[in-house]
């Protein structure tokens, strides 16, 4: 079985990446627009591949690990 590890980011980092407020991220979570997971400690992590950035709508897959981790 081949398992692909998906990159996750914190809610504050997700806000920075797509230039939206925390409230918007929570609304997206509630409506299913972004996928997320709760950690064992209860924190929420957003799957980066479900986020989009900027008006050009570049897929988050195009982000480098450095971009995803900066400020995390």
Protein backbone atom coordinates (compact mmCIF):
# COMPACT_ATOMS: atom_id res chain seq x y z
CA UNK A 1 0.00 0.00 0.00
CA UNK A 2 1.46 3.36 -1.07
CA UNK A 3 0.75 6.15 1.41
CA UNK A 4 1.16 9.77 0.33
CA UNK A 5 1.89 12.18 3.16
CA UNK A 6 -0.06 15.41 2.77
CA UNK A 7 1.41 18.70 3.98
CA UNK A 8 -0.61 20.50 6.66
CA UNK A 9 -0.44 24.07 7.95
CA UNK A 10 -1.78 25.83 11.01
CA UNK A 11 -4.83 28.07 10.77
CA UNK A 12 -2.75 31.27 11.15
CA UNK A 13 -0.38 30.07 8.39
CA UNK A 14 -3.33 29.18 6.14
CA UNK A 15 -4.66 32.71 6.66
CA UNK A 16 -1.31 34.16 5.57
CA UNK A 17 -1.01 31.89 2.55
CA UNK A 18 -4.38 32.82 1.09
CA UNK A 19 -4.73 36.32 2.62
CA UNK A 20 -8.00 35.73 4.43
CA UNK A 21 -9.15 36.07 8.04
CA UNK A 22 -9.39 33.30 10.62
CA UNK A 23 -13.18 33.60 10.39
CA UNK A 24 -13.00 32.88 6.65
CA UNK A 25 -10.88 29.78 7.26
CA UNK A 26 -13.37 28.55 9.88
CA UNK A 27 -16.25 29.20 7.46
CA UNK A 28 -14.42 27.24 4.75
CA UNK A 29 -13.88 24.38 7.20
CA UNK A 30 -17.57 24.33 8.15
CA UNK A 31 -18.69 24.38 4.51
CA UNK A 32 -16.19 21.73 3.41
CA UNK A 33 -14.20 24.05 1.13
CA UNK A 34 -10.97 23.05 2.86
CA UNK A 35 -10.02 19.76 4.44
CA UNK A 36 -8.52 19.62 7.89
CA UNK A 37 -7.51 17.26 10.64
CA UNK A 38 -7.41 17.57 14.41
CA UNK A 39 -4.17 16.54 16.06
CA UNK A 40 -4.01 14.35 19.14
CA UNK A 41 -3.55 17.55 21.16
CA UNK A 42 -6.73 19.08 19.72
CA UNK A 43 -5.11 21.56 17.31
CA UNK A 44 -6.50 21.98 13.83
CA UNK A 45 -4.24 21.58 10.79
CA UNK A 46 -5.40 22.52 7.29
CA UNK A 47 -4.35 20.35 4.34
CA UNK A 48 -2.32 22.73 2.19
CA UNK A 49 -3.43 21.05 -1.03
CA UNK A 50 -7.00 22.20 -0.37
CA UNK A 51 -6.01 25.88 -0.20
CA UNK A 52 -5.75 28.26 -3.16
CA UNK A 53 -3.79 31.47 -3.27
CA UNK A 54 -4.24 34.83 -4.91
CA UNK A 55 -6.47 35.92 -7.74
CA UNK A 56 -4.59 33.69 -10.17
CA UNK A 57 -5.85 30.63 -8.24
CA UNK A 58 -2.54 28.80 -8.34
CA UNK A 59 -2.91 25.37 -6.75
CA UNK A 60 -1.29 25.05 -3.35
CA UNK A 61 0.72 22.13 -4.73
CA UNK A 62 2.90 24.79 -6.38
CA UNK A 63 3.98 26.10 -2.96
CA UNK A 64 7.39 25.02 -1.79
CA UNK A 65 7.96 23.47 1.63
CA UNK A 66 9.75 26.68 2.63
CA UNK A 67 6.69 28.77 1.75
CA UNK A 68 4.42 26.47 3.74
CA UNK A 69 6.68 26.41 6.79
CA UNK A 70 7.64 30.11 6.88
CA UNK A 71 6.08 31.66 9.97
CA UNK A 72 4.53 28.37 11.10
